[in-house]
Amino acid sequence: METPWEVECLFDSLGSSHTGLCLDTGHCVYGGGDPLDEARKYRELLGYLHIKDIDARKLGEARQKKLTFNQAVETGVFSQIGEGCICFAEFFREMRAARYSGWVVVEQDVIYDKVALPPCESMHVSLQYLEKTLSELTYTTEQGRGSREQVAGNS
């Protein structure tokens, strides 16, 4: 299940069951969705996040050529995190606002003999990007909190 329509149909049919959602950011975009919109829509149901990035240019080419999923993966449609089209700073700001506290799995769909970087190196680059993004998010939040405290203390 990847498209926003498929996910919506599933949760409409499940009603008020206790089923949660694993939102895969890359598969969401691959299926035509926006991970930020889907996270907002299903914020109460999110139990797992799969953090994956996607190359918008290669996705467009895959769609134009009508490639299968595996063929698209072979072309490198899923990029290292931070090198694709997903704005993870905005995504994680939303997760913080939603007080998300579930699992976060960092992954990349690849065909192992068709990658620019070996998987361990690629994951290292992706994790460095995420660490930087999350530390900047934390810094921004702390700066904002400090500013509000200063304003409150001066009034």
C-alpha atoms as a PDB file:
ATOM      1  CA  MET A   1       0.000   0.000   0.000  1.00  0.00           C
ATOM      2  CA  GLU A   2       1.577   3.250  -1.087  1.00  0.00           C
ATOM      3  CA  THR A   3      -0.870   5.769  -2.461  1.00  0.00           C
ATOM      4  CA  PRO A   4      -2.699   8.174  -0.165  1.00  0.00           C
ATOM      5  CA  TRP A   5      -5.991   6.861  -1.580  1.00  0.00           C
ATOM      6  CA  GLU A   6      -5.112   3.233  -0.682  1.00  0.00           C
ATOM      7  CA  VAL A   7      -4.166   4.212   2.873  1.00  0.00           C
ATOM      8  CA  GLU A   8      -7.335   6.261   3.294  1.00  0.00           C
ATOM      9  CA  CYS A   9      -9.517   3.397   2.019  1.00  0.00           C
ATOM     10  CA  LEU A  10      -7.860   0.998   4.448  1.00  0.00           C
ATOM     11  CA  PHE A  11      -8.392   3.194   7.488  1.00  0.00           C
ATOM     12  CA  ASP A  12     -11.940   4.031   6.406  1.00  0.00           C
ATOM     13  CA  SER A  13     -12.717   0.302   6.257  1.00  0.00           C
ATOM     14  CA  LEU A  14     -11.043  -0.409   9.613  1.00  0.00           C
ATOM     15  CA  GLY A  15     -13.120   2.205  11.399  1.00  0.00           C
ATOM     16  CA  SER A  16     -12.179   2.649  15.029  1.00  0.00           C
ATOM     17  CA  SER A  17      -9.977  -0.441  15.334  1.00  0.00           C
ATOM     18  CA  HIS A  18      -6.676  -0.139  17.139  1.00  0.00           C
ATOM     19  CA  THR A  19      -4.623  -0.447  13.963  1.00  0.00           C
ATOM     20  CA  GLY A  20      -1.652   1.883  13.646  1.00  0.00           C
ATOM     21  CA  LEU A  21       0.277   3.145  10.668  1.00  0.00           C
ATOM     22  CA  CYS A  22       3.886   2.796   9.605  1.00  0.00           C
ATOM     23  CA  LEU A  23       4.535   5.863   7.466  1.00  0.00           C
ATOM     24  CA  ASP A  24       7.344   5.316   4.977  1.00  0.00           C
ATOM     25  CA  THR A  25       8.378   8.738   3.696  1.00  0.00           C
ATOM     26  CA  GLY A  26       9.941   7.493   0.466  1.00  0.00           C
ATOM     27  CA  HIS A  27       7.156   5.080  -0.422  1.00  0.00           C
ATOM     28  CA  CYS A  28       4.632   7.798   0.318  1.00  0.00           C
ATOM     29  CA  VAL A  29       6.214  10.071  -2.311  1.00  0.00           C
ATOM     30  CA  TYR A  30       6.645   7.117  -4.683  1.00  0.00           C
ATOM     31  CA  GLY A  31       2.895   6.503  -4.383  1.00  0.00           C
ATOM     32  CA  GLY A  32       2.074  10.142  -5.143  1.00  0.00           C
ATOM     33  CA  GLY A  33       1.661  11.432  -1.597  1.00  0.00           C
ATOM     34  CA  ASP A  34       3.279  14.031   0.606  1.00  0.00           C
ATOM     35  CA  PRO A  35       4.728  12.539   3.817  1.00  0.00           C
ATOM     36  CA  LEU A  36       4.046  15.740   5.745  1.00  0.00           C
ATOM     37  CA  ASP A  37       0.366  15.757   4.734  1.00  0.00           C
ATOM     38  CA  GLU A  38       0.013  12.064   5.568  1.00  0.00           C
ATOM     39  CA  ALA A  39       1.753  12.527   8.938  1.00  0.00           C
ATOM     40  CA  ARG A  40      -0.661  15.321   9.803  1.00  0.00           C
ATOM     41  CA  LYS A  41      -3.674  13.317   8.650  1.00  0.00           C
ATOM     42  CA  TYR A  42      -2.731  10.169  10.607  1.00  0.00           C
ATOM     43  CA  ARG A  43      -0.789  11.687  13.510  1.00  0.00           C
ATOM     44  CA  GLU A  44      -2.861   9.789  16.103  1.00  0.00           C
ATOM     45  CA  LEU A  45      -2.204   6.460  14.347  1.00  0.00           C
ATOM     46  CA  LEU A  46       1.541   6.748  13.712  1.00  0.00           C
ATOM     47  CA  GLY A  47       3.427   3.956  15.441  1.00  0.00           C
ATOM     48  CA  TYR A  48       6.434   3.626  13.158  1.00  0.00           C
ATOM     49  CA  LEU A  49       8.288   5.868  10.747  1.00  0.00           C
ATOM     50  CA  HIS A  50      10.454   4.579   7.928  1.00  0.00           C
ATOM     51  CA  ILE A  51      12.739   7.419   6.924  1.00  0.00           C
ATOM     52  CA  LYS A  52      13.663   7.167   3.276  1.00  0.00           C
ATOM     53  CA  ASP A  53      14.388   9.810   0.612  1.00  0.00           C
ATOM     54  CA  ILE A  54      13.567   9.826  -3.081  1.00  0.00           C
ATOM     55  CA  ASP A  55      15.046  11.470  -6.162  1.00  0.00           C
ATOM     56  CA  ALA A  56      12.192  13.426  -7.799  1.00  0.00           C
ATOM     57  CA  ARG A  57      13.888  13.492 -11.212  1.00  0.00           C
ATOM     58  CA  LYS A  58      14.421   9.727 -11.266  1.00  0.00           C
ATOM     59  CA  LEU A  59      10.883   9.178  -9.997  1.00  0.00           C
ATOM     60  CA  GLY A  60       9.530  11.286 -12.867  1.00  0.00           C
ATOM     61  CA  GLU A  61      11.592   9.285 -15.355  1.00  0.00           C
ATOM     62  CA  ALA A  62      10.411   6.000 -13.828  1.00  0.00           C
ATOM     63  CA  ARG A  63       6.797   7.087 -14.132  1.00  0.00           C
ATOM     64  CA  GLN A  64       7.290   8.309 -17.698  1.00  0.00           C
ATOM     65  CA  LYS A  65       8.895   4.983 -18.685  1.00  0.00           C
ATOM     66  CA  LYS A  66       6.248   3.049 -16.667  1.00  0.00           C
ATOM     67  CA  LEU A  67       8.933   1.134 -14.770  1.00  0.00           C
ATOM     68  CA  THR A  68       8.001  -1.468 -12.197  1.00  0.00           C
ATOM     69  CA  PHE A  69       8.916  -0.778  -8.592  1.00  0.00           C
ATOM     70  CA  ASN A  70      12.023  -2.997  -8.785  1.00  0.00           C
ATOM     71  CA  GLN A  71      13.101  -1.370 -12.047  1.00  0.00           C
ATOM     72  CA  ALA A  72      12.710   2.071 -10.458  1.00  0.00           C
ATOM     73  CA  VAL A  73      14.767   0.948  -7.452  1.00  0.00           C
ATOM     74  CA  GLU A  74      17.430  -0.319  -9.829  1.00  0.00           C
ATOM     75  CA  THR A  75      17.681   3.171 -11.404  1.00  0.00           C
ATOM     76  CA  GLY A  76      18.335   4.647  -7.952  1.00  0.00           C
ATOM     77  CA  VAL A  77      14.949   6.270  -7.386  1.00  0.00           C
ATOM     78  CA  PHE A  78      15.546   6.088  -3.615  1.00  0.00           C
ATOM     79  CA  SER A  79      18.434   8.381  -2.760  1.00  0.00           C
ATOM     80  CA  GLN A  80      20.590   8.804   0.280  1.00  0.00           C
ATOM     81  CA  ILE A  81      18.670  10.699   2.912  1.00  0.00           C
ATOM     82  CA  GLY A  82      19.132  14.413   2.397  1.00  0.00           C
ATOM     83  CA  GLU A  83      19.841  14.106  -1.322  1.00  0.00           C
ATOM     84  CA  GLY A  84      16.243  13.666  -2.424  1.00  0.00           C
ATOM     85  CA  CYS A  85      13.127  15.812  -2.457  1.00  0.00           C
ATOM     86  CA  ILE A  86      11.804  15.277   1.084  1.00  0.00           C
ATOM     87  CA  CYS A  87      12.200  18.181   3.521  1.00  0.00           C
ATOM     88  CA  PHE A  88      13.115  16.273   6.667  1.00  0.00           C
ATOM     89  CA  ALA A  89      13.526  19.397   8.804  1.00  0.00           C
ATOM     90  CA  GLU A  90       9.873  20.254   8.230  1.00  0.00           C
ATOM     91  CA  PHE A  91       8.826  16.624   8.637  1.00  0.00           C
ATOM     92  CA  PHE A  92      10.584  16.266  12.013  1.00  0.00           C
ATOM     93  CA  ARG A  93       9.226  19.628  13.192  1.00  0.00           C
ATOM     94  CA  GLU A  94       5.765  18.197  12.579  1.00  0.00           C
ATOM     95  CA  MET A  95       6.642  14.980  14.421  1.00  0.00           C
ATOM     96  CA  ARG A  96       7.857  17.035  17.374  1.00  0.00           C
ATOM     97  CA  ALA A  97       4.648  19.119  17.350  1.00  0.00           C
ATOM     98  CA  ALA A  98       2.637  15.884  17.260  1.00  0.00           C
ATOM     99  CA  ARG A  99       4.722  14.577  20.198  1.00  0.00           C
ATOM    100  CA  TYR A 100       5.604  11.481  18.195  1.00  0.00           C
ATOM    101  CA  SER A 101       7.466   8.974  20.361  1.00  0.00           C
ATOM    102  CA  GLY A 102       7.372   5.783  18.297  1.00  0.00           C
ATOM    103  CA  TRP A 103      10.024   3.942  16.361  1.00  0.00           C
ATOM    104  CA  VAL A 104      12.068   5.579  13.601  1.00  0.00           C
ATOM    105  CA  VAL A 105      13.775   3.244  11.115  1.00  0.00           C
ATOM    106  CA  VAL A 106      16.270   4.681   8.645  1.00  0.00           C
ATOM    107  CA  GLU A 107      16.476   2.734   5.412  1.00  0.00           C
ATOM    108  CA  GLN A 108      17.177   2.866   1.713  1.00  0.00           C
ATOM    109  CA  ASP A 109      15.772   0.561  -0.953  1.00  0.00           C
ATOM    110  CA  VAL A 110      18.614  -0.431  -3.286  1.00  0.00           C
ATOM    111  CA  ILE A 111      19.774  -3.192  -5.580  1.00  0.00           C
ATOM    112  CA  TYR A 112      23.122  -3.980  -3.947  1.00  0.00           C
ATOM    113  CA  ASP A 113      25.239  -4.392  -7.062  1.00  0.00           C
ATOM    114  CA  LYS A 114      23.766  -1.210  -8.613  1.00  0.00           C
ATOM    115  CA  VAL A 115      24.668   1.411  -5.984  1.00  0.00           C
ATOM    116  CA  ALA A 116      27.052   4.371  -6.169  1.00  0.00           C
ATOM    117  CA  LEU A 117      28.173   3.851  -2.554  1.00  0.00           C
ATOM    118  CA  PRO A 118      28.341   0.600  -0.595  1.00  0.00           C
ATOM    119  CA  PRO A 119      25.344   0.311   1.796  1.00  0.00           C
ATOM    120  CA  CYS A 120      27.354   1.024   4.980  1.00  0.00           C
ATOM    121  CA  GLU A 121      28.878   4.191   3.498  1.00  0.00           C
ATOM    122  CA  SER A 122      25.512   5.302   2.175  1.00  0.00           C
ATOM    123  CA  MET A 123      23.880   4.780   5.568  1.00  0.00           C
ATOM    124  CA  HIS A 124      26.718   6.687   7.239  1.00  0.00           C
ATOM    125  CA  VAL A 125      26.107   9.685   4.951  1.00  0.00           C
ATOM    126  CA  SER A 126      22.348   9.471   5.592  1.00  0.00           C
ATOM    127  CA  LEU A 127      22.802   9.295   9.362  1.00  0.00           C
ATOM    128  CA  GLN A 128      25.184  12.271   9.318  1.00  0.00           C
ATOM    129  CA  TYR A 129      22.546  14.285   7.451  1.00  0.00           C
ATOM    130  CA  LEU A 130      19.845  13.282   9.935  1.00  0.00           C
ATOM    131  CA  GLU A 131      22.035  14.080  12.941  1.00  0.00           C
ATOM    132  CA  LYS A 132      22.768  17.532  11.513  1.00  0.00           C
ATOM    133  CA  THR A 133      19.110  18.151  10.646  1.00  0.00           C
ATOM    134  CA  LEU A 134      17.882  17.066  14.079  1.00  0.00           C
ATOM    135  CA  SER A 135      20.558  19.048  15.925  1.00  0.00           C
ATOM    136  CA  GLU A 136      19.590  22.186  13.971  1.00  0.00           C
ATOM    137  CA  LEU A 137      15.958  21.506  14.789  1.00  0.00           C
ATOM    138  CA  THR A 138      16.803  21.180  18.485  1.00  0.00           C
ATOM    139  CA  TYR A 139      18.914  24.368  18.360  1.00  0.00           C
ATOM    140  CA  THR A 140      16.116  26.307  16.632  1.00  0.00           C
ATOM    141  CA  THR A 141      13.573  25.100  19.181  1.00  0.00           C
ATOM    142  CA  GLU A 142      15.843  25.983  22.098  1.00  0.00           C
ATOM    143  CA  GLN A 143      16.554  29.413  20.591  1.00  0.00           C
ATOM    144  CA  GLY A 144      12.837  30.021  20.152  1.00  0.00           C
ATOM    145  CA  ARG A 145      12.113  28.910  23.714  1.00  0.00           C
ATOM    146  CA  GLY A 146      14.859  31.193  25.026  1.00  0.00           C
ATOM    147  CA  SER A 147      13.429  34.127  23.158  1.00  0.00           C
ATOM    148  CA  ARG A 148       9.957  33.566  24.641  1.00  0.00           C
ATOM    149  CA  GLU A 149      11.435  33.314  28.127  1.00  0.00           C
ATOM    150  CA  GLN A 150      13.342  36.561  27.623  1.00  0.00           C
ATOM    151  CA  VAL A 151      10.185  38.323  26.425  1.00  0.00           C
ATOM    152  CA  ALA A 152       8.170  36.936  29.351  1.00  0.00           C
ATOM    153  CA  GLY A 153      10.881  38.004  31.800  1.00  0.00           C
ATOM    154  CA  ASN A 154      10.947  41.571  30.465  1.00  0.00           C
ATOM    155  CA  SER A 155       7.230  42.246  30.729  1.00  0.00           C
END
